[in-house]
């Protein structure tokens, strides 16, 4: 599934969806895809969250979409600023909708849908402040490891 997964991704579309989602909020969204087998997807996603510097955002308002196609597992994690406001339910819903798309082989659609949901969530809880500068704190590209 790994080669199939990566070959079917429309990366420019995914990166643009991240950029668009982040324009509506002060939050940060990252996607990381590992090419390794993963036993505990939540544990590996948490390690990746730290390694990518996602805990260093000013408002702790990052969301990571972590995908391990070789293990056929994925997770959606929010930093403390996100989960303290909404819990993990909305993140679990993002993962559920992503799972449905992945089962149909619609990998890009699944990731874009999760990004759009993450952007909507962040825009409600971390809206842009008119007149205030907001810098993109983290890369919008898909990281791999």
C-alpha atoms as a PDB file:
ATOM      1  CA  UNK A   1       0.000   0.000   0.000  1.00  0.00           C
ATOM      2  CA  UNK A   2       2.916   2.390   0.616  1.00  0.00           C
ATOM      3  CA  UNK A   3       3.899   2.845  -3.025  1.00  0.00           C
ATOM      4  CA  UNK A   4       0.253   2.995  -4.032  1.00  0.00           C
ATOM      5  CA  UNK A   5      -0.424   5.618  -1.360  1.00  0.00           C
ATOM      6  CA  UNK A   6       2.442   7.935  -2.282  1.00  0.00           C
ATOM      7  CA  UNK A   7       1.978   7.559  -6.039  1.00  0.00           C
ATOM      8  CA  UNK A   8      -1.673   8.553  -5.770  1.00  0.00           C
ATOM      9  CA  UNK A   9      -1.128  11.708  -3.721  1.00  0.00           C
ATOM     10  CA  UNK A  10      -1.709  15.045  -5.417  1.00  0.00           C
ATOM     11  CA  UNK A  11       0.796  16.912  -3.253  1.00  0.00           C
ATOM     12  CA  UNK A  12       0.273  20.375  -4.779  1.00  0.00           C
ATOM     13  CA  UNK A  13      -3.470  20.092  -4.056  1.00  0.00           C
ATOM     14  CA  UNK A  14      -2.813  18.957  -0.475  1.00  0.00           C
ATOM     15  CA  UNK A  15      -0.268  21.721   0.200  1.00  0.00           C
ATOM     16  CA  UNK A  16      -2.655  24.323  -1.217  1.00  0.00           C
ATOM     17  CA  UNK A  17      -5.459  23.006   1.000  1.00  0.00           C
ATOM     18  CA  UNK A  18      -3.190  23.482   4.036  1.00  0.00           C
ATOM     19  CA  UNK A  19      -2.316  27.018   2.927  1.00  0.00           C
ATOM     20  CA  UNK A  20      -5.983  27.905   2.393  1.00  0.00           C
ATOM     21  CA  UNK A  21      -7.065  26.364   5.713  1.00  0.00           C
ATOM     22  CA  UNK A  22      -4.384  28.275   7.612  1.00  0.00           C
ATOM     23  CA  UNK A  23      -5.426  31.586   6.026  1.00  0.00           C
ATOM     24  CA  UNK A  24      -8.699  31.372   7.984  1.00  0.00           C
ATOM     25  CA  UNK A  25      -7.126  30.997  11.431  1.00  0.00           C
ATOM     26  CA  UNK A  26      -4.055  31.470  13.608  1.00  0.00           C
ATOM     27  CA  UNK A  27      -3.586  27.692  13.748  1.00  0.00           C
ATOM     28  CA  UNK A  28      -1.069  25.404  12.094  1.00  0.00           C
ATOM     29  CA  UNK A  29      -1.724  22.156  10.216  1.00  0.00           C
ATOM     30  CA  UNK A  30       0.911  19.589   9.268  1.00  0.00           C
ATOM     31  CA  UNK A  31       0.782  16.275   7.460  1.00  0.00           C
ATOM     32  CA  UNK A  32       3.474  13.682   8.081  1.00  0.00           C
ATOM     33  CA  UNK A  33       3.685  10.368   6.253  1.00  0.00           C
ATOM     34  CA  UNK A  34       6.052   7.718   7.508  1.00  0.00           C
ATOM     35  CA  UNK A  35       7.380   4.995   5.271  1.00  0.00           C
ATOM     36  CA  UNK A  36       8.080   2.796   8.304  1.00  0.00           C
ATOM     37  CA  UNK A  37       5.949   0.146   9.955  1.00  0.00           C
ATOM     38  CA  UNK A  38       4.262   1.556  13.048  1.00  0.00           C
ATOM     39  CA  UNK A  39       3.028  -0.568  15.938  1.00  0.00           C
ATOM     40  CA  UNK A  40       1.454   2.190  18.060  1.00  0.00           C
ATOM     41  CA  UNK A  41       0.255   4.953  15.752  1.00  0.00           C
ATOM     42  CA  UNK A  42      -0.692   7.367  18.557  1.00  0.00           C
ATOM     43  CA  UNK A  43       2.706   7.020  20.227  1.00  0.00           C
ATOM     44  CA  UNK A  44       4.558   7.498  16.950  1.00  0.00           C
ATOM     45  CA  UNK A  45       2.355  10.463  16.013  1.00  0.00           C
ATOM     46  CA  UNK A  46       3.087  12.086  19.385  1.00  0.00           C
ATOM     47  CA  UNK A  47       6.847  11.618  18.858  1.00  0.00           C
ATOM     48  CA  UNK A  48       6.549  13.078  15.366  1.00  0.00           C
ATOM     49  CA  UNK A  49       4.510  16.016  16.721  1.00  0.00           C
ATOM     50  CA  UNK A  50       7.433  16.873  19.013  1.00  0.00           C
ATOM     51  CA  UNK A  51      10.104  16.220  16.375  1.00  0.00           C
ATOM     52  CA  UNK A  52       8.398  18.526  13.865  1.00  0.00           C
ATOM     53  CA  UNK A  53       8.391  21.363  16.413  1.00  0.00           C
ATOM     54  CA  UNK A  54       4.624  21.516  16.594  1.00  0.00           C
ATOM     55  CA  UNK A  55       4.662  22.178  20.338  1.00  0.00           C
ATOM     56  CA  UNK A  56       6.622  25.373  19.668  1.00  0.00           C
ATOM     57  CA  UNK A  57       3.725  27.341  18.168  1.00  0.00           C
ATOM     58  CA  UNK A  58       2.881  30.492  20.089  1.00  0.00           C
ATOM     59  CA  UNK A  59      -0.657  29.391  20.979  1.00  0.00           C
ATOM     60  CA  UNK A  60      -0.097  25.611  21.005  1.00  0.00           C
ATOM     61  CA  UNK A  61      -2.692  25.454  18.218  1.00  0.00           C
ATOM     62  CA  UNK A  62      -1.267  22.905  15.818  1.00  0.00           C
ATOM     63  CA  UNK A  63      -2.962  19.845  14.345  1.00  0.00           C
ATOM     64  CA  UNK A  64      -0.947  16.939  12.946  1.00  0.00           C
ATOM     65  CA  UNK A  65      -2.339  14.451  10.467  1.00  0.00           C
ATOM     66  CA  UNK A  66      -0.036  11.433  10.748  1.00  0.00           C
ATOM     67  CA  UNK A  67      -0.198   8.646   8.179  1.00  0.00           C
ATOM     68  CA  UNK A  68       1.597   5.283   8.204  1.00  0.00           C
ATOM     69  CA  UNK A  69       0.443   3.626   4.956  1.00  0.00           C
ATOM     70  CA  UNK A  70       2.664   0.535   5.311  1.00  0.00           C
ATOM     71  CA  UNK A  71       0.879  -0.219   8.618  1.00  0.00           C
ATOM     72  CA  UNK A  72      -2.441   1.055   7.259  1.00  0.00           C
ATOM     73  CA  UNK A  73      -2.783   3.322  10.309  1.00  0.00           C
ATOM     74  CA  UNK A  74      -3.154   7.030  10.877  1.00  0.00           C
ATOM     75  CA  UNK A  75      -3.903   9.527  13.624  1.00  0.00           C
ATOM     76  CA  UNK A  76      -4.983  13.129  14.018  1.00  0.00           C
ATOM     77  CA  UNK A  77      -3.417  14.927  16.990  1.00  0.00           C
ATOM     78  CA  UNK A  78      -4.039  18.400  18.319  1.00  0.00           C
ATOM     79  CA  UNK A  79      -1.727  20.374  20.572  1.00  0.00           C
ATOM     80  CA  UNK A  80      -2.809  21.360  24.071  1.00  0.00           C
ATOM     81  CA  UNK A  81      -4.336  24.658  22.932  1.00  0.00           C
ATOM     82  CA  UNK A  82      -6.656  22.763  20.590  1.00  0.00           C
ATOM     83  CA  UNK A  83      -7.596  19.842  22.832  1.00  0.00           C
ATOM     84  CA  UNK A  84      -8.164  22.095  25.848  1.00  0.00           C
ATOM     85  CA  UNK A  85     -10.893  23.854  23.857  1.00  0.00           C
ATOM     86  CA  UNK A  86     -12.503  21.013  21.902  1.00  0.00           C
ATOM     87  CA  UNK A  87     -11.276  17.725  23.360  1.00  0.00           C
ATOM     88  CA  UNK A  88     -10.410  14.927  20.962  1.00  0.00           C
ATOM     89  CA  UNK A  89     -13.860  14.283  19.473  1.00  0.00           C
ATOM     90  CA  UNK A  90     -13.488  16.561  16.429  1.00  0.00           C
ATOM     91  CA  UNK A  91     -10.032  15.106  15.745  1.00  0.00           C
ATOM     92  CA  UNK A  92     -11.467  11.588  15.891  1.00  0.00           C
ATOM     93  CA  UNK A  93     -14.187  12.669  13.436  1.00  0.00           C
ATOM     94  CA  UNK A  94     -11.493  13.921  11.038  1.00  0.00           C
ATOM     95  CA  UNK A  95      -9.806  10.523  11.283  1.00  0.00           C
ATOM     96  CA  UNK A  96     -13.092   8.686  10.655  1.00  0.00           C
ATOM     97  CA  UNK A  97     -13.854  10.642   7.500  1.00  0.00           C
ATOM     98  CA  UNK A  98     -10.281  10.143   6.335  1.00  0.00           C
ATOM     99  CA  UNK A  99     -10.636   6.379   6.894  1.00  0.00           C
ATOM    100  CA  UNK A 100     -13.698   6.239   4.667  1.00  0.00           C
ATOM    101  CA  UNK A 101     -11.894   8.005   1.819  1.00  0.00           C
ATOM    102  CA  UNK A 102      -8.769   5.861   2.256  1.00  0.00           C
ATOM    103  CA  UNK A 103     -10.816   2.651   2.074  1.00  0.00           C
ATOM    104  CA  UNK A 104     -12.011   3.811  -1.337  1.00  0.00           C
ATOM    105  CA  UNK A 105      -8.445   4.592  -2.450  1.00  0.00           C
ATOM    106  CA  UNK A 106      -9.126   8.332  -2.389  1.00  0.00           C
ATOM    107  CA  UNK A 107      -5.984   9.263  -0.475  1.00  0.00           C
ATOM    108  CA  UNK A 108      -5.721  12.886  -1.583  1.00  0.00           C
ATOM    109  CA  UNK A 109      -9.441  13.482  -0.951  1.00  0.00           C
ATOM    110  CA  UNK A 110      -9.104  11.982   2.524  1.00  0.00           C
ATOM    111  CA  UNK A 111      -6.186  14.219   3.436  1.00  0.00           C
ATOM    112  CA  UNK A 112      -7.727  17.345   1.904  1.00  0.00           C
ATOM    113  CA  UNK A 113     -10.997  16.661   3.727  1.00  0.00           C
ATOM    114  CA  UNK A 114      -9.163  16.307   7.042  1.00  0.00           C
ATOM    115  CA  UNK A 115      -7.237  19.512   6.368  1.00  0.00           C
ATOM    116  CA  UNK A 116     -10.463  21.367   5.559  1.00  0.00           C
ATOM    117  CA  UNK A 117     -12.092  20.108   8.775  1.00  0.00           C
ATOM    118  CA  UNK A 118      -8.998  21.069  10.762  1.00  0.00           C
ATOM    119  CA  UNK A 119      -9.065  24.520   9.180  1.00  0.00           C
ATOM    120  CA  UNK A 120     -12.738  24.982  10.036  1.00  0.00           C
ATOM    121  CA  UNK A 121     -12.120  23.917  13.637  1.00  0.00           C
ATOM    122  CA  UNK A 122      -9.136  26.244  13.989  1.00  0.00           C
ATOM    123  CA  UNK A 123     -11.007  29.168  12.412  1.00  0.00           C
ATOM    124  CA  UNK A 124     -13.694  28.903  15.106  1.00  0.00           C
ATOM    125  CA  UNK A 125     -11.342  28.551  18.070  1.00  0.00           C
ATOM    126  CA  UNK A 126      -8.330  30.515  16.774  1.00  0.00           C
ATOM    127  CA  UNK A 127      -9.807  33.038  14.323  1.00  0.00           C
ATOM    128  CA  UNK A 128      -7.645  35.564  12.542  1.00  0.00           C
ATOM    129  CA  UNK A 129      -7.507  38.886  14.347  1.00  0.00           C
ATOM    130  CA  UNK A 130      -8.138  41.768  11.979  1.00  0.00           C
ATOM    131  CA  UNK A 131      -5.114  44.013  11.690  1.00  0.00           C
ATOM    132  CA  UNK A 132      -2.870  41.620  13.633  1.00  0.00           C
ATOM    133  CA  UNK A 133       0.089  40.042  11.900  1.00  0.00           C
ATOM    134  CA  UNK A 134      -0.024  36.258  11.659  1.00  0.00           C
ATOM    135  CA  UNK A 135       2.982  34.364  10.424  1.00  0.00           C
ATOM    136  CA  UNK A 136       3.025  30.837   9.115  1.00  0.00           C
ATOM    137  CA  UNK A 137       4.960  29.121  11.921  1.00  0.00           C
ATOM    138  CA  UNK A 138       5.340  25.684  10.327  1.00  0.00           C
ATOM    139  CA  UNK A 139       5.922  24.349   6.833  1.00  0.00           C
ATOM    140  CA  UNK A 140       2.848  23.450   4.779  1.00  0.00           C
ATOM    141  CA  UNK A 141       4.600  20.667   2.863  1.00  0.00           C
ATOM    142  CA  UNK A 142       4.046  16.988   3.572  1.00  0.00           C
ATOM    143  CA  UNK A 143       6.939  15.793   5.699  1.00  0.00           C
ATOM    144  CA  UNK A 144       8.196  12.242   5.372  1.00  0.00           C
ATOM    145  CA  UNK A 145      10.280  10.066   7.573  1.00  0.00           C
END
